[in-house]
Amino acid sequence: EPVYEAFIERFPDVGALARASRADVLRAWDCLGYNRRAVALHDAARAIVRDHGGRVPRDAELLRRLPGIGPYTAAAVASIGWGRPVAAVDTNVRRICARVFHAAEPDEVPASKLAADAQAWLDPAAAREWNQALMDIGRLCCRPTPRCSDCPLAAGCRFRAAGRTGRPSGRRQPSYEGSGRQVRGAVVRALRGRPSGDADVLAAVTGHARDRIEAAADDLVREGILERTSAGRLRLSG
């Protein structure tokens, strides 16, 4: 939370973010998530200034044309940010719609059908509140193993009426320890505090093997997070 607050203070509006260098954005991003999202956010801010007069678009279709924004994020920004009557369909909302309307798990119903259900169910007069409420119900109650006794939708839920009890999520996040994600994060953290570094320096600083540093660096350069200097050293982009 303090890092997020510092980021907002540093970049209080789209224009401030667009004017900043990518390196400054990556330094301020710190532990706020995948670094490629900081790159997409920065590119989106520049596109908003260039193409939309510095105003975040209200329309979900326009939002989807910005870097890094897919259907869910576009709908969330349009509805929560602007109150537009668009259903923001994330994993939680898909699960709720599948269970309430079809007595099914979300992988048993076409995604397009669940999106249509969510849009038809939406309260257009309170899209912001409705979308956030469904997300909270999914987070707190309609979990992979549901907590039906706490759920405000339980009385009309076909899943519960059918006696279904859910199943554990089949998704398994690979271990972070020893992963490429860990090496990539370590390289970026090391370069936040220094102007540049070569693979040997970064291996010494991070404790990861030189070949893993080089592999991570290639990915980070390809994603626009790092760049190579004319001397072959690595630094934060732009």
C-alpha atoms as a PDB file:
ATOM      1  CA  GLU A   1       0.000   0.000   0.000  1.00  0.00           C
ATOM      2  CA  PRO A   2       2.705   2.586   0.758  1.00  0.00           C
ATOM      3  CA  VAL A   3       4.347   1.847  -2.602  1.00  0.00           C
ATOM      4  CA  TYR A   4       1.021   2.325  -4.378  1.00  0.00           C
ATOM      5  CA  GLU A   5       0.425   5.623  -2.565  1.00  0.00           C
ATOM      6  CA  ALA A   6       3.920   6.814  -3.457  1.00  0.00           C
ATOM      7  CA  PHE A   7       3.341   5.855  -7.098  1.00  0.00           C
ATOM      8  CA  ILE A   8       0.111   7.883  -7.235  1.00  0.00           C
ATOM      9  CA  GLU A   9       1.810  10.839  -5.576  1.00  0.00           C
ATOM     10  CA  ARG A  10       4.659  10.666  -8.083  1.00  0.00           C
ATOM     11  CA  PHE A  11       2.275  10.355 -11.058  1.00  0.00           C
ATOM     12  CA  PRO A  12      -0.985  12.046  -9.990  1.00  0.00           C
ATOM     13  CA  ASP A  13      -2.555  12.054 -13.451  1.00  0.00           C
ATOM     14  CA  VAL A  14      -2.220  10.573 -16.918  1.00  0.00           C
ATOM     15  CA  GLY A  15      -0.163  13.509 -18.163  1.00  0.00           C
ATOM     16  CA  ALA A  16       2.424  13.143 -15.411  1.00  0.00           C
ATOM     17  CA  LEU A  17       2.746   9.451 -16.162  1.00  0.00           C
ATOM     18  CA  ALA A  18       3.046  10.042 -19.897  1.00  0.00           C
ATOM     19  CA  ARG A  19       5.756  12.698 -19.451  1.00  0.00           C
ATOM     20  CA  ALA A  20       7.900  10.469 -17.225  1.00  0.00           C
ATOM     21  CA  SER A  21      10.647   8.284 -18.588  1.00  0.00           C
ATOM     22  CA  ARG A  22      10.021   4.567 -18.612  1.00  0.00           C
ATOM     23  CA  ALA A  23      12.962   4.119 -16.244  1.00  0.00           C
ATOM     24  CA  ASP A  24      11.332   6.441 -13.705  1.00  0.00           C
ATOM     25  CA  VAL A  25       8.053   4.546 -13.970  1.00  0.00           C
ATOM     26  CA  LEU A  26       9.824   1.208 -13.457  1.00  0.00           C
ATOM     27  CA  ARG A  27      11.694   2.550 -10.427  1.00  0.00           C
ATOM     28  CA  ALA A  28       8.483   3.785  -8.834  1.00  0.00           C
ATOM     29  CA  TRP A  29       6.622   0.564  -9.725  1.00  0.00           C
ATOM     30  CA  ASP A  30       8.785  -1.483  -7.347  1.00  0.00           C
ATOM     31  CA  CYS A  31       6.612  -4.308  -5.942  1.00  0.00           C
ATOM     32  CA  LEU A  32       3.264  -3.356  -7.504  1.00  0.00           C
ATOM     33  CA  GLY A  33       3.171  -6.350  -9.853  1.00  0.00           C
ATOM     34  CA  TYR A  34       4.699  -7.664 -13.048  1.00  0.00           C
ATOM     35  CA  ASN A  35       7.058  -5.090 -14.525  1.00  0.00           C
ATOM     36  CA  ARG A  36       5.611  -5.576 -18.000  1.00  0.00           C
ATOM     37  CA  ARG A  37       2.375  -4.108 -16.642  1.00  0.00           C
ATOM     38  CA  ALA A  38       4.253  -0.927 -15.743  1.00  0.00           C
ATOM     39  CA  VAL A  39       5.486  -0.764 -19.351  1.00  0.00           C
ATOM     40  CA  ALA A  40       1.939  -1.246 -20.688  1.00  0.00           C
ATOM     41  CA  LEU A  41       0.561   1.349 -18.257  1.00  0.00           C
ATOM     42  CA  HIS A  42       3.187   3.857 -19.368  1.00  0.00           C
ATOM     43  CA  ASP A  43       2.491   3.166 -23.056  1.00  0.00           C
ATOM     44  CA  ALA A  44      -1.250   3.486 -22.404  1.00  0.00           C
ATOM     45  CA  ALA A  45      -0.773   6.852 -20.685  1.00  0.00           C
ATOM     46  CA  ARG A  46       1.161   8.142 -23.686  1.00  0.00           C
ATOM     47  CA  ALA A  47      -1.542   6.874 -26.045  1.00  0.00           C
ATOM     48  CA  ILE A  48      -4.243   8.568 -23.955  1.00  0.00           C
ATOM     49  CA  VAL A  49      -2.382  11.878 -24.111  1.00  0.00           C
ATOM     50  CA  ARG A  50      -1.617  11.518 -27.809  1.00  0.00           C
ATOM     51  CA  ASP A  51      -4.978  10.216 -29.023  1.00  0.00           C
ATOM     52  CA  HIS A  52      -7.543  11.235 -26.397  1.00  0.00           C
ATOM     53  CA  GLY A  53      -6.456  14.639 -25.170  1.00  0.00           C
ATOM     54  CA  GLY A  54      -5.222  13.253 -21.875  1.00  0.00           C
ATOM     55  CA  ARG A  55      -8.650  11.898 -20.848  1.00  0.00           C
ATOM     56  CA  VAL A  56      -9.092   8.209 -20.098  1.00  0.00           C
ATOM     57  CA  PRO A  57     -11.718   6.930 -22.579  1.00  0.00           C
ATOM     58  CA  ARG A  58     -15.179   6.140 -21.222  1.00  0.00           C
ATOM     59  CA  ASP A  59     -16.034   3.585 -23.897  1.00  0.00           C
ATOM     60  CA  ALA A  60     -14.925  -0.011 -23.323  1.00  0.00           C
ATOM     61  CA  GLU A  61     -14.121  -0.543 -27.014  1.00  0.00           C
ATOM     62  CA  LEU A  62     -11.825   2.480 -27.058  1.00  0.00           C
ATOM     63  CA  LEU A  63     -10.187   1.315 -23.849  1.00  0.00           C
ATOM     64  CA  ARG A  64      -9.455  -2.086 -25.395  1.00  0.00           C
ATOM     65  CA  ARG A  65      -7.316  -0.405 -28.043  1.00  0.00           C
ATOM     66  CA  LEU A  66      -4.886   0.849 -25.416  1.00  0.00           C
ATOM     67  CA  PRO A  67      -1.703  -1.116 -24.649  1.00  0.00           C
ATOM     68  CA  GLY A  68      -2.118  -3.805 -22.012  1.00  0.00           C
ATOM     69  CA  ILE A  69      -5.908  -3.565 -21.735  1.00  0.00           C
ATOM     70  CA  GLY A  70      -8.072  -6.607 -22.413  1.00  0.00           C
ATOM     71  CA  PRO A  71     -11.838  -7.138 -22.163  1.00  0.00           C
ATOM     72  CA  TYR A  72     -12.006  -7.397 -18.374  1.00  0.00           C
ATOM     73  CA  THR A  73      -9.824  -4.363 -17.635  1.00  0.00           C
ATOM     74  CA  ALA A  74     -11.661  -2.272 -20.232  1.00  0.00           C
ATOM     75  CA  ALA A  75     -15.033  -3.166 -18.703  1.00  0.00           C
ATOM     76  CA  ALA A  76     -13.769  -2.542 -15.170  1.00  0.00           C
ATOM     77  CA  VAL A  77     -12.426   0.924 -16.058  1.00  0.00           C
ATOM     78  CA  ALA A  78     -15.567   1.834 -18.027  1.00  0.00           C
ATOM     79  CA  SER A  79     -17.953   0.713 -15.294  1.00  0.00           C
ATOM     80  CA  ILE A  80     -16.069   1.444 -12.070  1.00  0.00           C
ATOM     81  CA  GLY A  81     -14.293   4.536 -13.360  1.00  0.00           C
ATOM     82  CA  TRP A  82     -17.089   6.011 -15.478  1.00  0.00           C
ATOM     83  CA  GLY A  83     -20.293   4.249 -14.415  1.00  0.00           C
ATOM     84  CA  ARG A  84     -20.911   2.814 -17.876  1.00  0.00           C
ATOM     85  CA  PRO A  85     -23.356  -0.146 -17.972  1.00  0.00           C
ATOM     86  CA  VAL A  86     -20.783  -2.790 -18.873  1.00  0.00           C
ATOM     87  CA  ALA A  87     -20.341  -6.070 -17.005  1.00  0.00           C
ATOM     88  CA  ALA A  88     -16.784  -6.624 -15.775  1.00  0.00           C
ATOM     89  CA  VAL A  89     -16.429 -10.390 -16.114  1.00  0.00           C
ATOM     90  CA  ASP A  90     -13.487 -11.765 -14.175  1.00  0.00           C
ATOM     91  CA  THR A  91     -12.903 -15.300 -12.863  1.00  0.00           C
ATOM     92  CA  ASN A  92     -15.138 -14.691  -9.866  1.00  0.00           C
ATOM     93  CA  VAL A  93     -18.034 -13.336 -11.909  1.00  0.00           C
ATOM     94  CA  ARG A  94     -17.831 -16.234 -14.374  1.00  0.00           C
ATOM     95  CA  ARG A  95     -18.020 -18.680 -11.472  1.00  0.00           C
ATOM     96  CA  ILE A  96     -21.044 -16.928  -9.963  1.00  0.00           C
ATOM     97  CA  CYS A  97     -22.943 -16.796 -13.265  1.00  0.00           C
ATOM     98  CA  ALA A  98     -22.219 -20.435 -14.050  1.00  0.00           C
ATOM     99  CA  ARG A  99     -23.453 -21.570 -10.662  1.00  0.00           C
ATOM    100  CA  VAL A 100     -26.438 -19.255 -10.161  1.00  0.00           C
ATOM    101  CA  PHE A 101     -27.890 -19.615 -13.668  1.00  0.00           C
ATOM    102  CA  HIS A 102     -26.675 -23.031 -14.868  1.00  0.00           C
ATOM    103  CA  ALA A 103     -25.924 -25.127 -11.761  1.00  0.00           C
ATOM    104  CA  ALA A 104     -22.497 -25.588 -13.312  1.00  0.00           C
ATOM    105  CA  GLU A 105     -18.842 -24.754 -12.948  1.00  0.00           C
ATOM    106  CA  PRO A 106     -17.520 -22.070 -15.315  1.00  0.00           C
ATOM    107  CA  ASP A 107     -15.587 -24.538 -17.475  1.00  0.00           C
ATOM    108  CA  GLU A 108     -18.887 -26.347 -18.174  1.00  0.00           C
ATOM    109  CA  VAL A 109     -20.524 -23.334 -19.842  1.00  0.00           C
ATOM    110  CA  PRO A 110     -19.278 -21.396 -22.902  1.00  0.00           C
ATOM    111  CA  ALA A 111     -17.476 -18.223 -21.886  1.00  0.00           C
ATOM    112  CA  SER A 112     -19.606 -16.213 -24.323  1.00  0.00           C
ATOM    113  CA  LYS A 113     -22.778 -17.418 -22.577  1.00  0.00           C
ATOM    114  CA  LEU A 114     -21.451 -16.416 -19.154  1.00  0.00           C
ATOM    115  CA  ALA A 115     -20.483 -12.987 -20.478  1.00  0.00           C
ATOM    116  CA  ALA A 116     -23.989 -12.550 -21.886  1.00  0.00           C
ATOM    117  CA  ASP A 117     -25.527 -13.674 -18.581  1.00  0.00           C
ATOM    118  CA  ALA A 118     -23.412 -11.166 -16.656  1.00  0.00           C
ATOM    119  CA  GLN A 119     -24.390  -8.336 -19.006  1.00  0.00           C
ATOM    120  CA  ALA A 120     -28.105  -9.174 -18.823  1.00  0.00           C
ATOM    121  CA  TRP A 121     -27.926  -9.423 -15.001  1.00  0.00           C
ATOM    122  CA  LEU A 122     -26.139  -6.087 -14.585  1.00  0.00           C
ATOM    123  CA  ASP A 123     -28.025  -3.234 -12.921  1.00  0.00           C
ATOM    124  CA  PRO A 124     -27.385  -0.448 -15.480  1.00  0.00           C
ATOM    125  CA  ALA A 125     -28.244   2.236 -12.937  1.00  0.00           C
ATOM    126  CA  ALA A 126     -25.519   1.067 -10.562  1.00  0.00           C
ATOM    127  CA  ALA A 127     -22.932  -0.665 -12.729  1.00  0.00           C
ATOM    128  CA  ARG A 128     -20.021   0.476 -10.561  1.00  0.00           C
ATOM    129  CA  GLU A 129     -21.491  -0.910  -7.354  1.00  0.00           C
ATOM    130  CA  TRP A 130     -22.927  -4.030  -9.007  1.00  0.00           C
ATOM    131  CA  ASN A 131     -19.643  -5.138 -10.554  1.00  0.00           C
ATOM    132  CA  GLN A 132     -17.701  -4.592  -7.348  1.00  0.00           C
ATOM    133  CA  ALA A 133     -20.360  -6.404  -5.314  1.00  0.00           C
ATOM    134  CA  LEU A 134     -20.186  -9.482  -7.558  1.00  0.00           C
ATOM    135  CA  MET A 135     -16.397  -9.488  -7.356  1.00  0.00           C
ATOM    136  CA  ASP A 136     -16.634  -9.386  -3.570  1.00  0.00           C
ATOM    137  CA  ILE A 137     -19.196 -12.206  -3.459  1.00  0.00           C
ATOM    138  CA  GLY A 138     -16.865 -14.306  -5.591  1.00  0.00           C
ATOM    139  CA  ARG A 139     -13.908 -13.484  -3.378  1.00  0.00           C
ATOM    140  CA  LEU A 140     -15.685 -14.060  -0.071  1.00  0.00           C
ATOM    141  CA  CYS A 141     -18.472 -16.566  -0.715  1.00  0.00           C
ATOM    142  CA  CYS A 142     -18.616 -18.175  -4.154  1.00  0.00           C
ATOM    143  CA  ARG A 143     -15.119 -19.571  -3.972  1.00  0.00           C
ATOM    144  CA  PRO A 144     -13.962 -22.817  -5.665  1.00  0.00           C
ATOM    145  CA  THR A 145     -15.257 -24.494  -2.494  1.00  0.00           C
ATOM    146  CA  PRO A 146     -18.272 -22.250  -1.860  1.00  0.00           C
ATOM    147  CA  ARG A 147     -19.346 -20.741   1.450  1.00  0.00           C
ATOM    148  CA  CYS A 148     -23.050 -20.850   0.707  1.00  0.00           C
ATOM    149  CA  SER A 149     -24.126 -20.082   4.270  1.00  0.00           C
ATOM    150  CA  ASP A 150     -22.647 -16.587   3.911  1.00  0.00           C
ATOM    151  CA  CYS A 151     -23.800 -15.895   0.358  1.00  0.00           C
ATOM    152  CA  PRO A 152     -26.623 -13.412  -0.367  1.00  0.00           C
ATOM    153  CA  LEU A 153     -27.379 -15.273  -3.614  1.00  0.00           C
ATOM    154  CA  ALA A 154     -27.799 -18.691  -1.992  1.00  0.00           C
ATOM    155  CA  ALA A 155     -31.622 -18.732  -1.956  1.00  0.00           C
ATOM    156  CA  GLY A 156     -31.869 -18.530  -5.744  1.00  0.00           C
ATOM    157  CA  CYS A 157     -28.696 -20.391  -6.683  1.00  0.00           C
ATOM    158  CA  ARG A 158     -29.276 -23.397  -8.949  1.00  0.00           C
ATOM    159  CA  PHE A 159     -25.862 -24.828  -8.106  1.00  0.00           C
ATOM    160  CA  ARG A 160     -26.764 -25.025  -4.428  1.00  0.00           C
ATOM    161  CA  ALA A 161     -30.264 -26.318  -5.197  1.00  0.00           C
ATOM    162  CA  ALA A 162     -28.728 -29.114  -7.247  1.00  0.00           C
ATOM    163  CA  GLY A 163     -26.653 -30.196  -4.255  1.00  0.00           C
ATOM    164  CA  ARG A 164     -23.341 -29.400  -5.873  1.00  0.00           C
ATOM    165  CA  THR A 165     -20.521 -28.487  -3.537  1.00  0.00           C
ATOM    166  CA  GLY A 166     -17.800 -27.162  -5.816  1.00  0.00           C
ATOM    167  CA  ARG A 167     -14.346 -28.445  -6.420  1.00  0.00           C
ATOM    168  CA  PRO A 168     -10.849 -27.161  -5.716  1.00  0.00           C
ATOM    169  CA  SER A 169      -9.371 -24.927  -8.357  1.00  0.00           C
ATOM    170  CA  GLY A 170      -7.302 -26.888 -10.864  1.00  0.00           C
ATOM    171  CA  ARG A 171      -4.935 -23.972 -11.327  1.00  0.00           C
ATOM    172  CA  ARG A 172      -1.555 -24.363  -9.712  1.00  0.00           C
ATOM    173  CA  GLN A 173       0.894 -21.486  -9.700  1.00  0.00           C
ATOM    174  CA  PRO A 174       4.451 -22.770 -10.249  1.00  0.00           C
ATOM    175  CA  SER A 175       6.776 -22.209  -7.332  1.00  0.00           C
ATOM    176  CA  TYR A 176       8.301 -18.740  -7.299  1.00  0.00           C
ATOM    177  CA  GLU A 177      11.485 -19.907  -5.605  1.00  0.00           C
ATOM    178  CA  GLY A 178      14.067 -20.715  -8.256  1.00  0.00           C
ATOM    179  CA  SER A 179      11.806 -19.673 -11.122  1.00  0.00           C
ATOM    180  CA  GLY A 180      12.557 -17.413 -14.060  1.00  0.00           C
ATOM    181  CA  ARG A 181      10.139 -14.904 -12.508  1.00  0.00           C
ATOM    182  CA  GLN A 182      12.364 -14.720  -9.450  1.00  0.00           C
ATOM    183  CA  VAL A 183      15.478 -14.076 -11.560  1.00  0.00           C
ATOM    184  CA  ARG A 184      13.726 -11.450 -13.681  1.00  0.00           C
ATOM    185  CA  GLY A 185      12.486  -9.637 -10.596  1.00  0.00           C
ATOM    186  CA  ALA A 186      15.918  -9.721  -9.018  1.00  0.00           C
ATOM    187  CA  VAL A 187      17.542  -8.231 -12.128  1.00  0.00           C
ATOM    188  CA  VAL A 188      15.059  -5.351 -12.281  1.00  0.00           C
ATOM    189  CA  ARG A 189      15.392  -4.658  -8.546  1.00  0.00           C
ATOM    190  CA  ALA A 190      19.180  -4.556  -8.885  1.00  0.00           C
ATOM    191  CA  LEU A 191      18.978  -2.072 -11.753  1.00  0.00           C
ATOM    192  CA  ARG A 192      16.550   0.217  -9.941  1.00  0.00           C
ATOM    193  CA  GLY A 193      19.401   1.284  -7.716  1.00  0.00           C
ATOM    194  CA  ARG A 194      22.207   1.620 -10.268  1.00  0.00           C
ATOM    195  CA  PRO A 195      22.550   3.237 -13.699  1.00  0.00           C
ATOM    196  CA  SER A 196      23.584   0.000 -15.434  1.00  0.00           C
ATOM    197  CA  GLY A 197      25.259  -3.348 -14.933  1.00  0.00           C
ATOM    198  CA  ASP A 198      26.635  -6.254 -16.905  1.00  0.00           C
ATOM    199  CA  ALA A 199      25.762  -9.919 -16.406  1.00  0.00           C
ATOM    200  CA  ASP A 200      28.703 -10.507 -14.056  1.00  0.00           C
ATOM    201  CA  VAL A 201      27.761  -7.610 -11.806  1.00  0.00           C
ATOM    202  CA  LEU A 202      24.107  -8.637 -11.757  1.00  0.00           C
ATOM    203  CA  ALA A 203      25.021 -12.256 -10.986  1.00  0.00           C
ATOM    204  CA  ALA A 204      27.131 -11.101  -8.041  1.00  0.00           C
ATOM    205  CA  VAL A 205      24.441  -8.744  -6.751  1.00  0.00           C
ATOM    206  CA  THR A 206      21.480 -11.104  -7.133  1.00  0.00           C
ATOM    207  CA  GLY A 207      23.177 -14.417  -6.356  1.00  0.00           C
ATOM    208  CA  HIS A 208      21.806 -16.026  -9.522  1.00  0.00           C
ATOM    209  CA  ALA A 209      23.957 -17.808 -12.098  1.00  0.00           C
ATOM    210  CA  ARG A 210      25.280 -15.770 -15.007  1.00  0.00           C
ATOM    211  CA  ASP A 211      23.508 -17.859 -17.643  1.00  0.00           C
ATOM    212  CA  ARG A 212      20.184 -17.347 -15.887  1.00  0.00           C
ATOM    213  CA  ILE A 213      20.834 -13.614 -15.692  1.00  0.00           C
ATOM    214  CA  GLU A 214      21.492 -13.525 -19.435  1.00  0.00           C
ATOM    215  CA  ALA A 215      18.341 -15.501 -20.223  1.00  0.00           C
ATOM    216  CA  ALA A 216      16.245 -13.219 -18.000  1.00  0.00           C
ATOM    217  CA  ALA A 217      17.862 -10.128 -19.540  1.00  0.00           C
ATOM    218  CA  ASP A 218      16.985 -11.264 -23.062  1.00  0.00           C
ATOM    219  CA  ASP A 219      13.319 -11.576 -22.052  1.00  0.00           C
ATOM    220  CA  LEU A 220      13.329  -8.219 -20.253  1.00  0.00           C
ATOM    221  CA  VAL A 221      14.876  -6.444 -23.237  1.00  0.00           C
ATOM    222  CA  ARG A 222      12.332  -8.048 -25.560  1.00  0.00           C
ATOM    223  CA  GLU A 223       9.500  -6.788 -23.337  1.00  0.00           C
ATOM    224  CA  GLY A 224      10.856  -3.243 -23.231  1.00  0.00           C
ATOM    225  CA  ILE A 225      11.701  -3.323 -19.525  1.00  0.00           C
ATOM    226  CA  LEU A 226      15.474  -3.207 -20.025  1.00  0.00           C
ATOM    227  CA  GLU A 227      17.738  -1.964 -22.791  1.00  0.00           C
ATOM    228  CA  ARG A 228      21.360  -2.582 -23.673  1.00  0.00           C
ATOM    229  CA  THR A 229      23.838   0.266 -23.817  1.00  0.00           C
ATOM    230  CA  SER A 230      26.343   0.628 -26.640  1.00  0.00           C
ATOM    231  CA  ALA A 231      28.859  -1.028 -24.313  1.00  0.00           C
ATOM    232  CA  GLY A 232      26.579  -4.036 -23.891  1.00  0.00           C
ATOM    233  CA  ARG A 233      25.544  -3.231 -20.321  1.00  0.00           C
ATOM    234  CA  LEU A 234      21.966  -3.449 -19.112  1.00  0.00           C
ATOM    235  CA  ARG A 235      19.819  -0.638 -17.735  1.00  0.00           C
ATOM    236  CA  LEU A 236      16.161   0.215 -17.232  1.00  0.00           C
ATOM    237  CA  SER A 237      14.553   1.271 -20.499  1.00  0.00           C
ATOM    238  CA  GLY A 238      14.195   4.893 -21.453  1.00  0.00           C
END
